[in-house]
Amino acid sequence: MPSAERIRRDAKIPAIATGRITDPRHAEEIVASASADMVALARGMLYDPRWGRHAAATLGGTVTAPKQYWRAVPREVAQSFAGTGIGQR
């Protein structure tokens, strides 16, 4: 994301990195290294509407979900759903 990094550095304004960012670890690396302030995930989100939930599971984070989703929490990523339990109503 050289363009975002250059804009961020030279113009001293927040910059968004774009372009084929589909892996959660790649997005995290961009923000953690201060190459950009934010990432845009058009391809990743179009391909997988649950990208945020999958990213949280991959990176060990948590997400909040509406109660309607509590009954369908996948067991293998249950730890990434904050404040829910499998089978809760």
Protein backbone atom coordinates (compact mmCIF):
# COMPACT_ATOMS: atom_id res chain seq x y z
CA MET A 1 0.00 0.00 0.00
CA PRO A 2 2.71 2.46 -0.98
CA SER A 3 0.21 5.08 -2.21
CA ALA A 4 -1.67 5.26 1.09
CA GLU A 5 1.58 5.38 3.04
CA ARG A 6 2.93 8.20 0.88
CA ILE A 7 -0.28 10.24 1.09
CA ARG A 8 -0.40 9.73 4.85
CA ARG A 9 3.22 10.82 5.26
CA ASP A 10 3.38 13.72 2.78
CA ALA A 11 -0.06 15.25 3.16
CA LYS A 12 -0.33 14.44 6.88
CA ILE A 13 -3.94 13.32 6.53
CA PRO A 14 -5.58 9.97 7.27
CA ALA A 15 -5.28 7.52 4.39
CA ILE A 16 -7.21 4.41 3.37
CA ALA A 17 -5.43 1.44 1.79
CA THR A 18 -7.33 -0.30 -1.02
CA GLY A 19 -6.74 -2.96 -3.60
CA ARG A 20 -7.04 -6.71 -3.26
CA ILE A 21 -6.93 -6.82 0.50
CA THR A 22 -8.73 -10.07 1.24
CA ASP A 23 -6.80 -11.65 4.12
CA PRO A 24 -7.42 -10.46 7.70
CA ARG A 25 -3.72 -10.77 8.57
CA HIS A 26 -2.79 -8.55 5.62
CA ALA A 27 -5.32 -5.90 6.66
CA GLU A 28 -4.06 -6.02 10.26
CA GLU A 29 -0.44 -5.70 9.10
CA ILE A 30 -1.24 -2.57 7.04
CA VAL A 31 -2.87 -0.79 9.97
CA ALA A 32 -0.39 -2.04 12.60
CA SER A 33 2.60 -0.91 10.55
CA ALA A 34 1.01 2.56 10.12
CA SER A 35 1.09 2.20 6.34
CA ALA A 36 -2.53 3.40 6.37
CA ASP A 37 -5.11 4.44 8.93
CA MET A 38 -7.82 2.18 7.57
CA VAL A 39 -8.34 -0.52 4.93
CA ALA A 40 -11.17 -0.82 2.39
CA LEU A 41 -12.32 -4.35 1.73
CA ALA A 42 -14.65 -4.27 -1.27
CA ARG A 43 -13.62 -7.58 -2.86
CA GLY A 44 -13.35 -9.43 0.41
CA MET A 45 -16.74 -8.21 1.65
CA LEU A 46 -18.50 -8.90 -1.65
CA TYR A 47 -17.10 -12.42 -1.76
CA ASP A 48 -17.78 -13.11 1.92
CA PRO A 49 -20.43 -10.93 3.64
CA ARG A 50 -19.29 -12.39 6.99
CA TRP A 51 -15.71 -11.25 6.42
CA GLY A 52 -15.64 -9.29 9.67
CA ARG A 53 -16.75 -12.30 11.71
CA HIS A 54 -14.24 -14.55 9.99
CA ALA A 55 -11.48 -11.98 10.48
CA ALA A 56 -12.26 -11.78 14.21
CA ALA A 57 -12.02 -15.56 14.48
CA THR A 58 -8.72 -15.61 12.56
CA LEU A 59 -7.13 -12.82 14.60
CA GLY A 60 -8.49 -13.86 17.99
CA GLY A 61 -10.85 -10.90 18.30
CA THR A 62 -14.54 -10.76 19.14
CA VAL A 63 -17.65 -9.39 17.47
CA THR A 64 -21.09 -8.58 18.82
CA ALA A 65 -24.03 -10.15 17.07
CA PRO A 66 -27.78 -9.58 17.23
CA LYS A 67 -29.75 -12.17 19.20
CA GLN A 68 -31.10 -13.65 15.97
CA TYR A 69 -27.60 -14.98 15.24
CA TRP A 70 -27.00 -16.49 18.70
CA ARG A 71 -28.72 -19.74 17.78
CA ALA A 72 -26.45 -20.25 14.76
CA VAL A 73 -23.00 -19.55 16.18
CA PRO A 74 -20.57 -22.02 14.60
CA ARG A 75 -18.92 -24.09 17.34
CA GLU A 76 -15.43 -23.71 15.88
CA VAL A 77 -15.58 -19.89 16.18
CA ALA A 78 -17.89 -19.53 19.20
CA GLN A 79 -15.14 -17.75 21.19
CA SER A 80 -15.22 -14.86 18.71
CA PHE A 81 -18.84 -13.98 19.57
CA ALA A 82 -18.82 -11.71 22.61
CA GLY A 83 -21.50 -12.32 25.24
CA THR A 84 -23.26 -15.19 23.53
CA GLY A 85 -23.47 -18.89 24.16
CA ILE A 86 -24.30 -21.73 21.87
CA GLY A 87 -28.04 -22.29 21.81
CA GLN A 88 -28.91 -19.09 23.73
CA ARG A 89 -32.14 -17.28 22.98
